[in-house]
Amino acid sequence: MKYLKADEILPKELLKEIQRYVDGGILYIPKCHGPRKKWGENSGGAAYYRTRNEEIRNRFHHGISITRLAEIYGLSQETIKKIVYAKS
């Protein structure tokens, strides 16, 4: 994130009003481009885990044990249980 100098971009009246609340401090102003995206939407992580978890559920329902699924996916048995028993 690039820092901008308020005195270079804001009208003097607005700058004085902001200084009443944050005099000499750092202020974060969020973007106003619609709702915030959920975790993993930009990187594809959410889609990856959704696909992986569906694959795990399918394999479990076709008879592969929780222990074996944990070995295959490098996850703990507790994590596999959370995936296969989760209400979708």
N, C-alpha and C. Protein backbone atom coordinates (compact mmCIF):
# COMPACT_ATOMS: atom_id res chain seq x y z
N MET A 1 0.84 -1.16 0.00
CA MET A 1 0.00 0.00 0.00
C MET A 1 0.89 1.23 0.00
N LYS A 2 0.60 2.13 -0.89
CA LYS A 2 1.38 3.36 -1.02
C LYS A 2 0.78 4.44 -0.12
N TYR A 3 1.63 5.13 0.61
CA TYR A 3 1.18 6.23 1.45
C TYR A 3 1.09 7.50 0.61
N LEU A 4 0.03 8.26 0.85
CA LEU A 4 -0.17 9.53 0.16
C LEU A 4 -0.15 10.64 1.20
N LYS A 5 0.34 11.80 0.81
CA LYS A 5 0.37 12.94 1.72
C LYS A 5 -0.97 13.66 1.63
N ALA A 6 -1.67 13.69 2.75
CA ALA A 6 -3.01 14.28 2.77
C ALA A 6 -3.00 15.74 2.34
N ASP A 7 -1.96 16.49 2.74
CA ASP A 7 -1.93 17.90 2.38
C ASP A 7 -1.70 18.12 0.89
N GLU A 8 -1.31 17.07 0.17
CA GLU A 8 -1.10 17.19 -1.27
C GLU A 8 -2.34 16.76 -2.07
N ILE A 9 -3.25 16.00 -1.47
CA ILE A 9 -4.37 15.49 -2.25
C ILE A 9 -5.75 15.94 -1.75
N LEU A 10 -5.85 16.37 -0.51
CA LEU A 10 -7.15 16.75 0.04
C LEU A 10 -7.34 18.26 0.03
N PRO A 11 -8.58 18.71 -0.13
CA PRO A 11 -8.84 20.15 0.01
C PRO A 11 -8.51 20.60 1.44
N LYS A 12 -8.06 21.84 1.58
CA LYS A 12 -7.63 22.35 2.89
C LYS A 12 -8.72 22.24 3.94
N GLU A 13 -9.98 22.49 3.57
CA GLU A 13 -11.07 22.43 4.54
C GLU A 13 -11.26 21.01 5.06
N LEU A 14 -11.18 20.03 4.16
CA LEU A 14 -11.33 18.64 4.55
C LEU A 14 -10.15 18.20 5.42
N LEU A 15 -8.95 18.62 5.07
CA LEU A 15 -7.76 18.27 5.85
C LEU A 15 -7.89 18.82 7.27
N LYS A 16 -8.34 20.06 7.42
CA LYS A 16 -8.50 20.64 8.76
C LYS A 16 -9.53 19.86 9.58
N GLU A 17 -10.61 19.42 8.94
CA GLU A 17 -11.63 18.65 9.64
C GLU A 17 -11.07 17.30 10.09
N ILE A 18 -10.32 16.64 9.25
CA ILE A 18 -9.71 15.35 9.61
C ILE A 18 -8.70 15.54 10.74
N GLN A 19 -7.95 16.64 10.71
CA GLN A 19 -6.96 16.90 11.75
C GLN A 19 -7.61 17.09 13.12
N ARG A 20 -8.88 17.43 13.17
CA ARG A 20 -9.57 17.53 14.45
C ARG A 20 -9.64 16.15 15.13
N TYR A 21 -9.66 15.09 14.33
CA TYR A 21 -9.79 13.74 14.86
C TYR A 21 -8.46 12.98 14.89
N VAL A 22 -7.61 13.20 13.89
CA VAL A 22 -6.35 12.47 13.78
C VAL A 22 -5.26 13.48 13.43
N ASP A 23 -4.76 14.16 14.42
CA ASP A 23 -3.75 15.19 14.18
C ASP A 23 -2.36 14.57 14.21
N GLY A 24 -1.77 14.43 13.04
CA GLY A 24 -0.41 13.89 12.94
C GLY A 24 -0.35 12.37 12.98
N GLY A 25 -1.49 11.70 13.01
CA GLY A 25 -1.51 10.24 13.06
C GLY A 25 -1.61 9.63 11.67
N ILE A 26 -1.66 8.32 11.64
CA ILE A 26 -1.82 7.59 10.39
C ILE A 26 -3.25 7.10 10.33
N LEU A 27 -3.88 7.31 9.20
CA LEU A 27 -5.29 6.96 9.02
C LEU A 27 -5.42 6.04 7.82
N TYR A 28 -6.10 4.89 8.01
CA TYR A 28 -6.36 3.98 6.91
C TYR A 28 -7.75 4.27 6.36
N ILE A 29 -7.86 4.43 5.06
CA ILE A 29 -9.15 4.66 4.42
C ILE A 29 -9.41 3.47 3.50
N PRO A 30 -10.44 2.67 3.81
CA PRO A 30 -10.71 1.47 3.01
C PRO A 30 -11.24 1.82 1.63
N LYS A 31 -11.09 0.89 0.70
CA LYS A 31 -11.62 1.07 -0.64
C LYS A 31 -13.14 1.05 -0.59
N CYS A 32 -13.75 1.67 -1.56
CA CYS A 32 -15.22 1.70 -1.61
C CYS A 32 -15.74 0.92 -2.81
N HIS A 33 -14.98 -0.04 -3.29
CA HIS A 33 -15.37 -0.81 -4.48
C HIS A 33 -16.21 -2.02 -4.11
N GLY A 34 -17.39 -1.83 -3.62
CA GLY A 34 -18.31 -2.93 -3.35
C GLY A 34 -17.91 -3.75 -2.14
N PRO A 35 -18.58 -4.89 -1.97
CA PRO A 35 -18.33 -5.73 -0.80
C PRO A 35 -16.96 -6.41 -0.87
N ARG A 36 -16.43 -6.68 0.29
CA ARG A 36 -15.13 -7.31 0.39
C ARG A 36 -15.24 -8.77 -0.05
N LYS A 37 -14.22 -9.25 -0.76
CA LYS A 37 -14.22 -10.64 -1.21
C LYS A 37 -13.92 -11.57 -0.05
N LYS A 38 -14.43 -12.78 -0.15
CA LYS A 38 -14.19 -13.77 0.89
C LYS A 38 -12.79 -14.35 0.73
N TRP A 39 -12.34 -15.02 1.81
CA TRP A 39 -11.03 -15.62 1.81
C TRP A 39 -10.89 -16.58 0.64
N GLY A 40 -9.76 -16.50 -0.07
CA GLY A 40 -9.43 -17.44 -1.12
C GLY A 40 -10.06 -17.18 -2.47
N GLU A 41 -10.89 -16.16 -2.60
CA GLU A 41 -11.52 -15.89 -3.89
C GLU A 41 -10.52 -15.39 -4.92
N ASN A 42 -9.59 -14.56 -4.51
CA ASN A 42 -8.61 -14.03 -5.46
C ASN A 42 -7.54 -15.06 -5.81
N SER A 43 -7.08 -15.80 -4.83
CA SER A 43 -5.96 -16.72 -5.04
C SER A 43 -6.39 -18.07 -5.59
N GLY A 44 -7.66 -18.39 -5.47
CA GLY A 44 -8.13 -19.71 -5.89
C GLY A 44 -8.07 -20.73 -4.78
N GLY A 45 -7.62 -20.33 -3.60
CA GLY A 45 -7.50 -21.24 -2.47
C GLY A 45 -8.83 -21.83 -2.05
N ALA A 46 -9.87 -21.03 -2.06
CA ALA A 46 -11.19 -21.52 -1.65
C ALA A 46 -11.67 -22.62 -2.59
N ALA A 47 -11.51 -22.41 -3.88
CA ALA A 47 -11.93 -23.41 -4.87
C ALA A 47 -11.11 -24.69 -4.71
N TYR A 48 -9.81 -24.54 -4.47
CA TYR A 48 -8.94 -25.71 -4.29
C TYR A 48 -9.41 -26.56 -3.11
N TYR A 49 -9.64 -25.94 -1.97
CA TYR A 49 -10.05 -26.69 -0.78
C TYR A 49 -11.46 -27.25 -0.91
N ARG A 50 -12.34 -26.54 -1.59
CA ARG A 50 -13.69 -27.04 -1.82
C ARG A 50 -13.63 -28.32 -2.66
N THR A 51 -12.82 -28.31 -3.72
CA THR A 51 -12.65 -29.49 -4.59
C THR A 51 -12.00 -30.63 -3.83
N ARG A 52 -10.93 -30.32 -3.08
CA ARG A 52 -10.23 -31.36 -2.31
C ARG A 52 -11.17 -32.00 -1.29
N ASN A 53 -11.93 -31.20 -0.59
CA ASN A 53 -12.82 -31.73 0.44
C ASN A 53 -13.94 -32.58 -0.16
N GLU A 54 -14.44 -32.19 -1.32
CA GLU A 54 -15.45 -33.00 -2.00
C GLU A 54 -14.86 -34.35 -2.41
N GLU A 55 -13.63 -34.32 -2.88
CA GLU A 55 -12.94 -35.56 -3.25
C GLU A 55 -12.77 -36.47 -2.03
N ILE A 56 -12.40 -35.88 -0.90
CA ILE A 56 -12.25 -36.65 0.34
C ILE A 56 -13.59 -37.26 0.74
N ARG A 57 -14.67 -36.49 0.68
CA ARG A 57 -16.00 -37.02 1.03
C ARG A 57 -16.41 -38.16 0.11
N ASN A 58 -16.16 -38.00 -1.19
CA ASN A 58 -16.50 -39.05 -2.14
C ASN A 58 -15.72 -40.33 -1.87
N ARG A 59 -14.43 -40.20 -1.61
CA ARG A 59 -13.62 -41.39 -1.32
C ARG A 59 -14.08 -42.07 -0.04
N PHE A 60 -14.43 -41.27 0.97
CA PHE A 60 -14.91 -41.83 2.22
C PHE A 60 -16.21 -42.62 2.00
N HIS A 61 -17.11 -42.06 1.21
CA HIS A 61 -18.39 -42.72 0.95
C HIS A 61 -18.24 -43.95 0.05
N HIS A 62 -17.08 -44.05 -0.61
CA HIS A 62 -16.79 -45.25 -1.41
C HIS A 62 -15.92 -46.24 -0.63
N GLY A 63 -15.79 -46.05 0.68
CA GLY A 63 -15.19 -47.07 1.52
C GLY A 63 -13.75 -46.86 1.97
N ILE A 64 -13.12 -45.76 1.59
CA ILE A 64 -11.75 -45.53 2.06
C ILE A 64 -11.82 -45.02 3.50
N SER A 65 -11.00 -45.60 4.36
CA SER A 65 -11.06 -45.28 5.79
C SER A 65 -10.51 -43.88 6.07
N ILE A 66 -10.90 -43.37 7.23
CA ILE A 66 -10.41 -42.06 7.69
C ILE A 66 -8.89 -42.10 7.85
N THR A 67 -8.39 -43.20 8.39
CA THR A 67 -6.94 -43.34 8.59
C THR A 67 -6.21 -43.26 7.24
N ARG A 68 -6.73 -43.97 6.24
CA ARG A 68 -6.08 -43.98 4.92
C ARG A 68 -6.20 -42.61 4.25
N LEU A 69 -7.33 -41.96 4.37
CA LEU A 69 -7.50 -40.61 3.80
C LEU A 69 -6.52 -39.62 4.43
N ALA A 70 -6.31 -39.75 5.74
CA ALA A 70 -5.35 -38.88 6.42
C ALA A 70 -3.95 -39.08 5.85
N GLU A 71 -3.59 -40.33 5.57
CA GLU A 71 -2.28 -40.63 4.98
C GLU A 71 -2.17 -40.06 3.56
N ILE A 72 -3.21 -40.27 2.77
CA ILE A 72 -3.19 -39.82 1.38
C ILE A 72 -3.05 -38.30 1.28
N TYR A 73 -3.80 -37.59 2.09
CA TYR A 73 -3.85 -36.13 1.99
C TYR A 73 -2.91 -35.39 2.94
N GLY A 74 -2.22 -36.14 3.78
CA GLY A 74 -1.29 -35.49 4.72
C GLY A 74 -2.01 -34.65 5.75
N LEU A 75 -3.19 -35.10 6.15
CA LEU A 75 -3.97 -34.38 7.15
C LEU A 75 -4.16 -35.27 8.37
N SER A 76 -4.53 -34.64 9.48
CA SER A 76 -4.80 -35.43 10.68
C SER A 76 -6.14 -36.14 10.52
N GLN A 77 -6.32 -37.20 11.29
CA GLN A 77 -7.58 -37.92 11.26
C GLN A 77 -8.73 -37.02 11.72
N GLU A 78 -8.45 -36.14 12.67
CA GLU A 78 -9.48 -35.21 13.14
C GLU A 78 -9.93 -34.27 12.03
N THR A 79 -8.99 -33.81 11.23
CA THR A 79 -9.34 -32.92 10.12
C THR A 79 -10.18 -33.67 9.09
N ILE A 80 -9.81 -34.90 8.80
CA ILE A 80 -10.59 -35.72 7.86
C ILE A 80 -12.00 -35.92 8.40
N LYS A 81 -12.12 -36.19 9.69
CA LYS A 81 -13.45 -36.36 10.29
C LYS A 81 -14.30 -35.10 10.13
N LYS A 82 -13.68 -33.95 10.37
CA LYS A 82 -14.42 -32.68 10.22
C LYS A 82 -14.93 -32.52 8.79
N ILE A 83 -14.11 -32.92 7.82
CA ILE A 83 -14.48 -32.79 6.41
C ILE A 83 -15.61 -33.75 6.06
N VAL A 84 -15.46 -35.04 6.42
CA VAL A 84 -16.44 -36.03 5.97
C VAL A 84 -17.76 -35.94 6.75
N TYR A 85 -17.73 -35.46 7.97
CA TYR A 85 -18.96 -35.38 8.75
C TYR A 85 -19.60 -33.99 8.75
N ALA A 86 -18.99 -33.05 8.03
CA ALA A 86 -19.53 -31.68 7.98
C ALA A 86 -20.85 -31.69 7.23
N LYS A 87 -21.76 -30.86 7.70
CA LYS A 87 -23.04 -30.70 6.98
C LYS A 87 -22.79 -29.72 5.84
N SER A 88 -23.06 -30.17 4.61
CA SER A 88 -22.78 -29.30 3.48
C SER A 88 -23.97 -28.51 3.03
